[in-house]
């Protein structure tokens, strides 16, 4: 099994101070990256050994383990569990490995950067993980929105897009005219305008006013800071569009329901978290191109091999 995470597993005396989402991520990662099976007794022993619970708090430690089982059951029920697993009251047994579903495993691995900061410090690669996450989400967007098309707008090391270039491309796809005074509206450091992916639904005509989603891909733990980008009103101005595009954010994390609701309200954006991404992928399976699969596996392997084992 993996070690008890350094974050979100606080000392628990009379009640649990262990975050349920982080507990679920840890258990999921234990199954994916370190153990064929995990029992509640394994979890209880580690919680006591690492002094999350006192020696005489077996019942509380068992309740924390049960909370983790409940969380994984919920993820499985909602179609958002990253692997195939069998559940009993006291044991979890995996039926697949992390290599069997690289994109799902990749998202779980990214979640560990939040709860294992010491491990994360030696393996950060924001550009690399961001590029891989965007490439994956570009493939999964048609599963999220069946029948829609996708355009990747975000900056990459190989393709340093800027706003005028993105506007030109989108005007052709969305049949808009573009702002005649575009340069007056672009900030000096506008880059890609916070826009990573565009999903749009065409009708066979060549008229604007089609359904459009402008999406931000946020693969880092600071996803909450990005709920206001891209700005739909700003992009409506850039494109000289009749209708303001809907916006959303795509993140590889399991986001608690209350937090998802608050972020959606504050950013007026649809939040697609790991549960929603995996649920869509199960209903509309995707196959990773060989190049992307190889890149994902290479990026993950060195980090999986270095995970802290109990």
Protein backbone atom coordinates (compact mmCIF):
# COMPACT_ATOMS: atom_id res chain seq x y z
CA UNK A 1 0.00 0.00 0.00
CA UNK A 2 0.97 3.62 -0.32
CA UNK A 3 1.95 5.59 2.75
CA UNK A 4 -0.64 7.67 4.55
CA UNK A 5 -0.74 11.04 2.74
CA UNK A 6 0.79 14.09 4.37
CA UNK A 7 -2.22 16.27 3.56
CA UNK A 8 -5.85 15.92 4.60
CA UNK A 9 -5.23 13.02 7.03
CA UNK A 10 -5.33 14.97 10.29
CA UNK A 11 -5.12 13.55 13.78
CA UNK A 12 -8.50 12.01 14.64
CA UNK A 13 -9.53 11.43 18.23
CA UNK A 14 -13.29 11.37 18.74
CA UNK A 15 -14.32 12.07 15.16
CA UNK A 16 -12.68 11.64 11.78
CA UNK A 17 -10.53 14.51 10.54
CA UNK A 18 -9.68 12.69 7.33
CA UNK A 19 -11.01 14.26 4.13
CA UNK A 20 -13.30 11.80 2.41
CA UNK A 21 -12.29 12.81 -1.12
CA UNK A 22 -8.59 12.50 -0.34
CA UNK A 23 -9.27 9.18 1.41
CA UNK A 24 -10.96 7.93 -1.73
CA UNK A 25 -8.09 9.12 -3.93
CA UNK A 26 -5.58 7.37 -1.66
CA UNK A 27 -7.48 4.08 -1.70
CA UNK A 28 -7.95 4.27 -5.45
CA UNK A 29 -4.24 4.96 -5.90
CA UNK A 30 -3.30 2.08 -3.56
CA UNK A 31 -5.24 -0.31 -5.78
CA UNK A 32 -3.93 1.17 -9.01
CA UNK A 33 -0.28 1.63 -8.18
CA UNK A 34 0.75 -0.61 -5.29
CA UNK A 35 -1.63 -3.41 -4.23
CA UNK A 36 -3.77 -6.06 -5.86
CA UNK A 37 -6.12 -5.88 -2.89
CA UNK A 38 -6.75 -3.68 0.13
CA UNK A 39 -8.56 -4.68 3.30
CA UNK A 40 -10.10 -2.52 5.98
CA UNK A 41 -7.70 -4.08 8.47
CA UNK A 42 -4.80 -2.85 6.28
CA UNK A 43 -6.21 0.67 6.45
CA UNK A 44 -6.86 0.48 10.21
CA UNK A 45 -3.31 -0.72 10.88
CA UNK A 46 -1.79 2.12 8.84
CA UNK A 47 -3.99 4.79 10.44
CA UNK A 48 -2.85 3.67 13.88
CA UNK A 49 0.78 3.09 12.89
CA UNK A 50 1.01 6.61 11.43
CA UNK A 51 -0.80 8.02 14.51
CA UNK A 52 -3.76 9.39 12.61
CA UNK A 53 -5.71 7.42 15.23
CA UNK A 54 -4.56 6.40 18.71
CA UNK A 55 -3.82 2.79 19.60
CA UNK A 56 -7.10 2.52 21.50
CA UNK A 57 -9.16 4.03 18.66
CA UNK A 58 -9.69 0.90 16.56
CA UNK A 59 -13.39 1.66 16.15
CA UNK A 60 -12.72 5.16 14.83
CA UNK A 61 -10.05 3.88 12.46
CA UNK A 62 -12.47 1.23 11.20
CA UNK A 63 -15.12 3.93 10.64
CA UNK A 64 -12.63 5.98 8.60
CA UNK A 65 -11.89 2.90 6.48
CA UNK A 66 -15.63 2.39 6.00
CA UNK A 67 -15.93 6.02 4.87
CA UNK A 68 -13.35 5.23 2.20
CA UNK A 69 -15.27 2.15 1.06
CA UNK A 70 -18.44 4.26 0.83
CA UNK A 71 -16.64 6.90 -1.23
CA UNK A 72 -15.31 4.36 -3.73
CA UNK A 73 -18.75 2.73 -3.94
CA UNK A 74 -20.22 6.12 -4.78
CA UNK A 75 -17.61 6.69 -7.48
CA UNK A 76 -18.30 3.27 -8.93
CA UNK A 77 -22.06 3.86 -8.86
CA UNK A 78 -21.65 7.17 -10.69
CA UNK A 79 -19.36 5.63 -13.31
CA UNK A 80 -16.32 7.56 -12.07
CA UNK A 81 -14.07 4.85 -10.65
CA UNK A 82 -10.75 4.67 -12.50
CA UNK A 83 -10.41 0.87 -12.49
CA UNK A 84 -12.43 -2.32 -12.43
CA UNK A 85 -12.65 -3.62 -8.87
CA UNK A 86 -14.62 -6.07 -6.74
CA UNK A 87 -16.03 -4.86 -3.45
CA UNK A 88 -16.83 -6.81 -0.30
CA UNK A 89 -17.63 -5.37 3.12
CA UNK A 90 -13.99 -5.60 4.18
CA UNK A 91 -11.91 -5.99 1.02
CA UNK A 92 -11.24 -4.27 -2.31
CA UNK A 93 -9.72 -6.31 -5.13
CA UNK A 94 -8.66 -4.85 -8.45
CA UNK A 95 -9.36 -6.58 -11.77
CA UNK A 96 -7.32 -4.21 -13.92
CA UNK A 97 -3.98 -2.38 -13.66
CA UNK A 98 -3.06 1.24 -14.21
CA UNK A 99 -1.61 0.42 -17.64
CA UNK A 100 -5.02 -0.88 -18.80
CA UNK A 101 -6.61 2.58 -18.74
CA UNK A 102 -3.89 5.19 -18.93
CA UNK A 103 -6.06 8.29 -19.03
CA UNK A 104 -8.10 7.27 -15.96
CA UNK A 105 -4.94 6.34 -14.06
CA UNK A 106 -3.27 9.59 -15.14
CA UNK A 107 -6.04 11.61 -13.51
CA UNK A 108 -5.70 9.69 -10.25
CA UNK A 109 -1.94 10.23 -10.31
CA UNK A 110 -2.45 13.99 -10.77
CA UNK A 111 -4.69 13.97 -7.70
CA UNK A 112 -1.82 12.62 -5.62
CA UNK A 113 0.18 15.82 -6.19
CA UNK A 114 -2.19 17.48 -3.71
CA UNK A 115 -1.89 14.96 -0.89
CA UNK A 116 1.76 13.85 -1.24
CA UNK A 117 3.63 17.19 -1.43
CA UNK A 118 7.07 15.71 -0.66
CA UNK A 119 6.77 13.24 -3.54
CA UNK A 120 5.24 15.94 -5.74
CA UNK A 121 8.16 18.32 -5.15
CA UNK A 122 10.52 16.04 -7.05
CA UNK A 123 8.19 15.23 -9.94
CA UNK A 124 6.42 18.43 -10.96
CA UNK A 125 6.15 19.08 -14.68
CA UNK A 126 3.39 21.61 -15.23
CA UNK A 127 3.99 22.00 -18.97
CA UNK A 128 4.18 18.26 -19.57
CA UNK A 129 1.14 17.31 -17.51
CA UNK A 130 -0.88 20.19 -18.95
CA UNK A 131 -0.10 19.17 -22.52
CA UNK A 132 -0.97 15.51 -21.84
CA UNK A 133 -4.21 16.45 -20.09
CA UNK A 134 -5.31 18.69 -22.95
CA UNK A 135 -4.52 16.00 -25.51
CA UNK A 136 -6.61 13.53 -23.54
CA UNK A 137 -9.53 15.87 -22.98
CA UNK A 138 -9.57 16.78 -26.66
CA UNK A 139 -10.39 13.12 -27.28
CA UNK A 140 -12.94 12.81 -24.49
CA UNK A 141 -14.94 15.97 -25.28
CA UNK A 142 -16.98 14.25 -28.02
CA UNK A 143 -17.91 11.67 -25.36
CA UNK A 144 -18.98 14.45 -22.97
CA UNK A 145 -20.99 16.11 -25.73
CA UNK A 146 -21.88 13.45 -28.34
CA UNK A 147 -22.14 14.78 -31.87
CA UNK A 148 -20.11 17.90 -31.08
CA UNK A 149 -16.80 18.79 -32.71
CA UNK A 150 -13.62 19.89 -30.93
CA UNK A 151 -10.93 22.46 -31.68
CA UNK A 152 -7.82 22.67 -29.51
CA UNK A 153 -6.98 26.31 -28.93
CA UNK A 154 -4.52 26.19 -26.04
CA UNK A 155 -0.83 27.02 -26.16
CA UNK A 156 1.56 24.07 -26.47
CA UNK A 157 5.37 23.93 -26.68
CA UNK A 158 5.04 22.89 -30.33
CA UNK A 159 2.26 25.31 -31.26
CA UNK A 160 2.41 28.68 -29.52
CA UNK A 161 -1.06 29.92 -30.48
CA UNK A 162 -2.10 33.51 -29.85
CA UNK A 163 -5.48 35.20 -29.74
CA UNK A 164 -5.48 36.62 -33.32
CA UNK A 165 -4.62 33.18 -34.71
CA UNK A 166 -7.27 31.47 -32.58
CA UNK A 167 -9.85 34.07 -33.62
CA UNK A 168 -9.08 33.49 -37.31
CA UNK A 169 -9.52 29.74 -36.91
CA UNK A 170 -12.72 30.06 -34.88
CA UNK A 171 -14.28 32.54 -37.30
CA UNK A 172 -14.02 29.87 -40.00
CA UNK A 173 -15.43 27.14 -37.76
CA UNK A 174 -18.21 29.19 -36.14
CA UNK A 175 -19.04 31.46 -39.10
CA UNK A 176 -18.43 34.69 -37.23
CA UNK A 177 -16.81 37.81 -38.69
CA UNK A 178 -14.30 38.65 -35.93
CA UNK A 179 -13.84 42.06 -34.32
CA UNK A 180 -12.52 44.65 -36.75
CA UNK A 181 -10.71 46.37 -33.86
CA UNK A 182 -9.46 43.13 -32.28
CA UNK A 183 -6.01 44.47 -31.32
CA UNK A 184 -7.61 47.15 -29.16
CA UNK A 185 -9.22 44.49 -26.97
CA UNK A 186 -6.30 42.09 -26.45
CA UNK A 187 -4.23 42.51 -23.29
CA UNK A 188 -0.43 42.67 -23.83
CA UNK A 189 0.02 39.22 -22.23
CA UNK A 190 -3.16 37.73 -23.65
CA UNK A 191 -1.50 34.55 -24.98
CA UNK A 192 -4.36 32.12 -25.67
CA UNK A 193 -6.93 34.07 -23.64
CA UNK A 194 -7.36 31.24 -21.12
CA UNK A 195 -9.00 29.12 -23.82
CA UNK A 196 -7.87 25.51 -24.23
CA UNK A 197 -10.66 23.70 -26.05
CA UNK A 198 -13.71 24.70 -28.06
CA UNK A 199 -16.61 22.29 -28.43
CA UNK A 200 -19.26 23.23 -30.96
CA UNK A 201 -22.33 21.71 -32.60
CA UNK A 202 -22.87 22.37 -36.29
CA UNK A 203 -26.15 22.08 -38.18
CA UNK A 204 -24.96 21.72 -41.76
CA UNK A 205 -25.58 25.38 -42.62
CA UNK A 206 -23.01 28.15 -42.61
CA UNK A 207 -24.65 30.48 -40.12
CA UNK A 208 -23.49 31.56 -36.69
CA UNK A 209 -25.43 31.14 -33.47
CA UNK A 210 -24.63 27.46 -32.93
CA UNK A 211 -24.16 25.88 -29.45
CA UNK A 212 -20.58 26.45 -28.29
CA UNK A 213 -18.56 25.58 -25.18
CA UNK A 214 -15.28 27.39 -24.46
CA UNK A 215 -13.29 25.27 -22.02
CA UNK A 216 -10.29 25.65 -19.73
CA UNK A 217 -8.27 22.53 -18.88
CA UNK A 218 -6.86 22.80 -15.35
CA UNK A 219 -4.59 19.89 -14.45
CA UNK A 220 -3.08 21.52 -11.34
CA UNK A 221 -4.39 21.81 -7.80
CA UNK A 222 -5.10 25.53 -8.38
CA UNK A 223 -8.04 24.71 -10.68
CA UNK A 224 -10.31 26.86 -8.46
CA UNK A 225 -8.38 29.98 -9.51
CA UNK A 226 -9.31 29.39 -13.16
CA UNK A 227 -13.10 29.21 -13.02
CA UNK A 228 -13.41 32.69 -14.54
CA UNK A 229 -11.41 31.77 -17.64
CA UNK A 230 -12.07 31.74 -20.45
CA UNK A 231 -14.34 34.78 -20.22
CA UNK A 232 -17.34 34.25 -22.47
CA UNK A 233 -18.11 37.95 -22.88
CA UNK A 234 -14.52 38.72 -23.89
CA UNK A 235 -14.49 35.97 -26.52
CA UNK A 236 -17.87 37.10 -27.80
CA UNK A 237 -16.24 40.48 -28.41
CA UNK A 238 -13.15 38.95 -30.08
CA UNK A 239 -15.33 36.94 -32.48
CA UNK A 240 -17.97 39.62 -32.99
CA UNK A 241 -20.42 36.82 -32.25
CA UNK A 242 -24.17 37.18 -31.82
CA UNK A 243 -24.28 34.81 -28.85
CA UNK A 244 -21.95 34.66 -25.84
CA UNK A 245 -20.35 31.19 -25.65
CA UNK A 246 -21.00 28.96 -22.68
CA UNK A 247 -17.89 28.27 -20.60
CA UNK A 248 -16.59 25.40 -18.54
CA UNK A 249 -13.58 24.01 -16.77
CA UNK A 250 -12.20 20.47 -17.01
CA UNK A 251 -10.19 19.10 -14.07
CA UNK A 252 -8.78 15.63 -13.34
CA UNK A 253 -9.86 15.68 -9.69
CA UNK A 254 -12.91 14.39 -7.86
CA UNK A 255 -14.54 17.61 -6.72
CA UNK A 256 -16.90 17.50 -3.76
CA UNK A 257 -20.52 18.30 -4.61
CA UNK A 258 -20.72 21.48 -2.52
CA UNK A 259 -17.45 22.81 -3.97
CA UNK A 260 -18.55 22.00 -7.51
CA UNK A 261 -21.81 23.86 -6.92
CA UNK A 262 -20.03 26.94 -5.53
CA UNK A 263 -17.48 27.00 -8.35
CA UNK A 264 -20.21 26.69 -10.97
CA UNK A 265 -22.12 29.60 -9.45
CA UNK A 266 -19.10 31.85 -8.98
CA UNK A 267 -17.64 31.23 -12.44
CA UNK A 268 -20.99 30.71 -14.18
CA UNK A 269 -19.29 27.73 -15.77
CA UNK A 270 -19.96 24.04 -16.05
CA UNK A 271 -17.40 22.04 -14.04
CA UNK A 272 -16.36 18.71 -15.54
CA UNK A 273 -14.46 16.76 -12.88
CA UNK A 274 -13.03 13.24 -12.99
CA UNK A 275 -16.36 11.63 -12.13
CA UNK A 276 -18.04 13.29 -15.09
CA UNK A 277 -15.16 12.62 -17.47
CA UNK A 278 -14.98 8.91 -16.61
CA UNK A 279 -18.75 8.50 -16.69
CA UNK A 280 -18.81 9.95 -20.21
CA UNK A 281 -15.89 7.78 -21.26
CA UNK A 282 -17.65 4.63 -20.05
CA UNK A 283 -20.76 5.47 -22.06
CA UNK A 284 -18.73 6.45 -25.14
CA UNK A 285 -15.38 4.60 -25.00
CA UNK A 286 -12.34 6.25 -26.56
CA UNK A 287 -9.07 4.76 -27.74
CA UNK A 288 -5.84 6.66 -27.20
CA UNK A 289 -3.57 7.01 -30.25
CA UNK A 290 -0.33 5.05 -29.84
CA UNK A 291 1.78 8.20 -29.58
CA UNK A 292 -0.36 9.65 -26.79
CA UNK A 293 -0.52 6.31 -24.96
CA UNK A 294 3.27 5.99 -25.10
CA UNK A 295 3.77 9.56 -23.90
CA UNK A 296 1.35 9.05 -21.01
CA UNK A 297 2.94 5.81 -19.92
CA UNK A 298 6.46 7.27 -20.04
CA UNK A 299 5.42 10.35 -18.03
CA UNK A 300 3.59 8.24 -15.46
CA UNK A 301 6.06 5.39 -15.05
CA UNK A 302 8.83 7.39 -13.39
CA UNK A 303 6.33 8.97 -11.01
CA UNK A 304 4.53 5.73 -10.18
CA UNK A 305 7.87 4.04 -9.45
CA UNK A 306 8.72 6.80 -6.95
CA UNK A 307 5.44 6.81 -5.02
CA UNK A 308 5.94 6.44 -1.25
CA UNK A 309 5.19 2.85 -0.25
CA UNK A 310 4.18 1.94 3.31
